[in-house]
Amino acid sequence: MRHVLIRGIMGLIWLAAAIISGVSGNFEMSALYVILGGVFLYSACTTWKKDYKGGR
């Protein structure tokens, strides 16, 4: 459970960094941060679904 939570938090942090970079005008790094955030959140989601089927 802990690793899923950590991956989810890291994904949200990367997405927040993407928003901040996008607002500041650094669009190349913003795109990188969106990709990294998406990978972390996808990993957390697939692990959650695999380990906790049926809400357990």
N, C-alpha and C. Protein backbone atom coordinates (compact mmCIF):
# COMPACT_ATOMS: atom_id res chain seq x y z
N MET A 1 0.83 -1.19 0.00
CA MET A 1 0.00 0.00 0.00
C MET A 1 0.87 1.26 0.00
N ARG A 2 1.97 1.20 0.74
CA ARG A 2 2.80 2.39 0.88
C ARG A 2 3.43 2.81 -0.45
N HIS A 3 3.87 1.82 -1.25
CA HIS A 3 4.51 2.17 -2.51
C HIS A 3 3.52 2.77 -3.50
N VAL A 4 2.27 2.35 -3.43
CA VAL A 4 1.25 2.94 -4.30
C VAL A 4 1.01 4.39 -3.90
N LEU A 5 0.95 4.65 -2.63
CA LEU A 5 0.74 6.01 -2.13
C LEU A 5 1.91 6.91 -2.50
N ILE A 6 3.12 6.41 -2.36
CA ILE A 6 4.30 7.21 -2.69
C ILE A 6 4.34 7.52 -4.18
N ARG A 7 4.02 6.54 -5.02
CA ARG A 7 4.01 6.79 -6.46
C ARG A 7 2.94 7.81 -6.83
N GLY A 8 1.79 7.73 -6.19
CA GLY A 8 0.74 8.71 -6.46
C GLY A 8 1.13 10.11 -6.07
N ILE A 9 1.76 10.24 -4.92
CA ILE A 9 2.20 11.56 -4.46
C ILE A 9 3.28 12.11 -5.37
N MET A 10 4.23 11.25 -5.77
CA MET A 10 5.28 11.70 -6.68
C MET A 10 4.70 12.14 -8.03
N GLY A 11 3.70 11.42 -8.50
CA GLY A 11 3.04 11.82 -9.74
C GLY A 11 2.39 13.19 -9.63
N LEU A 12 1.74 13.43 -8.51
CA LEU A 12 1.10 14.74 -8.32
C LEU A 12 2.14 15.85 -8.19
N ILE A 13 3.28 15.55 -7.57
CA ILE A 13 4.34 16.55 -7.46
C ILE A 13 4.89 16.90 -8.84
N TRP A 14 5.10 15.87 -9.69
CA TRP A 14 5.59 16.13 -11.04
C TRP A 14 4.59 16.95 -11.84
N LEU A 15 3.29 16.67 -11.67
CA LEU A 15 2.29 17.45 -12.40
C LEU A 15 2.23 18.89 -11.90
N ALA A 16 2.43 19.09 -10.60
CA ALA A 16 2.49 20.45 -10.06
C ALA A 16 3.70 21.20 -10.63
N ALA A 17 4.82 20.49 -10.74
CA ALA A 17 6.02 21.10 -11.34
C ALA A 17 5.77 21.45 -12.80
N ALA A 18 5.00 20.63 -13.50
CA ALA A 18 4.66 20.91 -14.90
C ALA A 18 3.83 22.18 -15.01
N ILE A 19 2.89 22.35 -14.11
CA ILE A 19 2.05 23.55 -14.13
C ILE A 19 2.89 24.79 -13.85
N ILE A 20 3.77 24.70 -12.87
CA ILE A 20 4.62 25.84 -12.54
C ILE A 20 5.55 26.18 -13.69
N SER A 21 6.12 25.16 -14.33
CA SER A 21 7.00 25.40 -15.47
C SER A 21 6.23 25.98 -16.65
N GLY A 22 5.01 25.51 -16.85
CA GLY A 22 4.20 26.04 -17.94
C GLY A 22 3.84 27.50 -17.71
N VAL A 23 3.55 27.86 -16.49
CA VAL A 23 3.20 29.25 -16.18
C VAL A 23 4.42 30.15 -16.35
N SER A 24 5.60 29.64 -15.98
CA SER A 24 6.81 30.46 -16.10
C SER A 24 7.33 30.53 -17.54
N GLY A 25 6.78 29.71 -18.45
CA GLY A 25 7.14 29.80 -19.85
C GLY A 25 8.15 28.77 -20.31
N ASN A 26 8.55 27.86 -19.45
CA ASN A 26 9.51 26.82 -19.82
C ASN A 26 8.74 25.59 -20.29
N PHE A 27 8.30 25.61 -21.55
CA PHE A 27 7.39 24.58 -22.05
C PHE A 27 8.08 23.25 -22.31
N GLU A 28 9.38 23.26 -22.60
CA GLU A 28 10.08 22.00 -22.81
C GLU A 28 10.13 21.18 -21.53
N MET A 29 10.49 21.83 -20.44
CA MET A 29 10.54 21.12 -19.16
C MET A 29 9.13 20.77 -18.68
N SER A 30 8.17 21.60 -19.00
CA SER A 30 6.79 21.31 -18.63
C SER A 30 6.32 20.03 -19.29
N ALA A 31 6.66 19.83 -20.56
CA ALA A 31 6.29 18.60 -21.25
C ALA A 31 6.96 17.39 -20.61
N LEU A 32 8.23 17.53 -20.24
CA LEU A 32 8.94 16.44 -19.57
C LEU A 32 8.27 16.09 -18.24
N TYR A 33 7.90 17.11 -17.48
CA TYR A 33 7.27 16.88 -16.18
C TYR A 33 5.90 16.22 -16.31
N VAL A 34 5.16 16.58 -17.36
CA VAL A 34 3.86 15.94 -17.60
C VAL A 34 4.06 14.46 -17.90
N ILE A 35 5.06 14.15 -18.71
CA ILE A 35 5.33 12.74 -19.02
C ILE A 35 5.73 11.98 -17.77
N LEU A 36 6.62 12.55 -16.97
CA LEU A 36 7.06 11.88 -15.74
C LEU A 36 5.89 11.70 -14.76
N GLY A 37 5.07 12.72 -14.60
CA GLY A 37 3.92 12.62 -13.73
C GLY A 37 2.94 11.56 -14.21
N GLY A 38 2.73 11.51 -15.52
CA GLY A 38 1.84 10.50 -16.08
C GLY A 38 2.36 9.09 -15.85
N VAL A 39 3.67 8.90 -15.99
CA VAL A 39 4.25 7.57 -15.78
C VAL A 39 4.09 7.14 -14.32
N PHE A 40 4.34 8.05 -13.40
CA PHE A 40 4.19 7.72 -11.98
C PHE A 40 2.73 7.40 -11.65
N LEU A 41 1.81 8.21 -12.15
CA LEU A 41 0.40 7.97 -11.84
C LEU A 41 -0.13 6.71 -12.51
N TYR A 42 0.33 6.43 -13.73
CA TYR A 42 -0.07 5.20 -14.41
C TYR A 42 0.44 3.98 -13.64
N SER A 43 1.67 4.05 -13.17
CA SER A 43 2.24 2.96 -12.41
C SER A 43 1.47 2.73 -11.11
N ALA A 44 1.13 3.81 -10.43
CA ALA A 44 0.37 3.68 -9.19
C ALA A 44 -1.01 3.10 -9.44
N CYS A 45 -1.65 3.53 -10.52
CA CYS A 45 -3.00 3.06 -10.84
C CYS A 45 -3.00 1.58 -11.19
N THR A 46 -2.06 1.14 -12.02
CA THR A 46 -2.03 -0.27 -12.41
C THR A 46 -1.67 -1.16 -11.23
N THR A 47 -0.78 -0.70 -10.37
CA THR A 47 -0.44 -1.49 -9.18
C THR A 47 -1.63 -1.57 -8.24
N TRP A 48 -2.35 -0.47 -8.09
CA TRP A 48 -3.53 -0.45 -7.23
C TRP A 48 -4.57 -1.44 -7.73
N LYS A 49 -4.83 -1.42 -9.03
CA LYS A 49 -5.83 -2.32 -9.60
C LYS A 49 -5.40 -3.78 -9.50
N LYS A 50 -4.12 -4.04 -9.65
CA LYS A 50 -3.62 -5.41 -9.61
C LYS A 50 -3.64 -5.97 -8.19
N ASP A 51 -3.23 -5.16 -7.22
CA ASP A 51 -3.10 -5.63 -5.84
C ASP A 51 -4.41 -5.58 -5.06
N TYR A 52 -5.28 -4.66 -5.38
CA TYR A 52 -6.47 -4.44 -4.57
C TYR A 52 -7.75 -4.59 -5.41
N LYS A 53 -7.93 -5.76 -5.99
CA LYS A 53 -9.13 -6.03 -6.78
C LYS A 53 -10.36 -6.03 -5.88
N GLY A 54 -11.41 -5.45 -6.35
CA GLY A 54 -12.67 -5.46 -5.61
C GLY A 54 -12.68 -4.56 -4.40
N GLY A 55 -11.76 -3.60 -4.30
CA GLY A 55 -11.75 -2.65 -3.20
C GLY A 55 -11.12 -3.19 -1.93
N ARG A 56 -10.44 -4.29 -2.00
CA ARG A 56 -9.79 -4.84 -0.80
C ARG A 56 -8.43 -4.25 -0.59
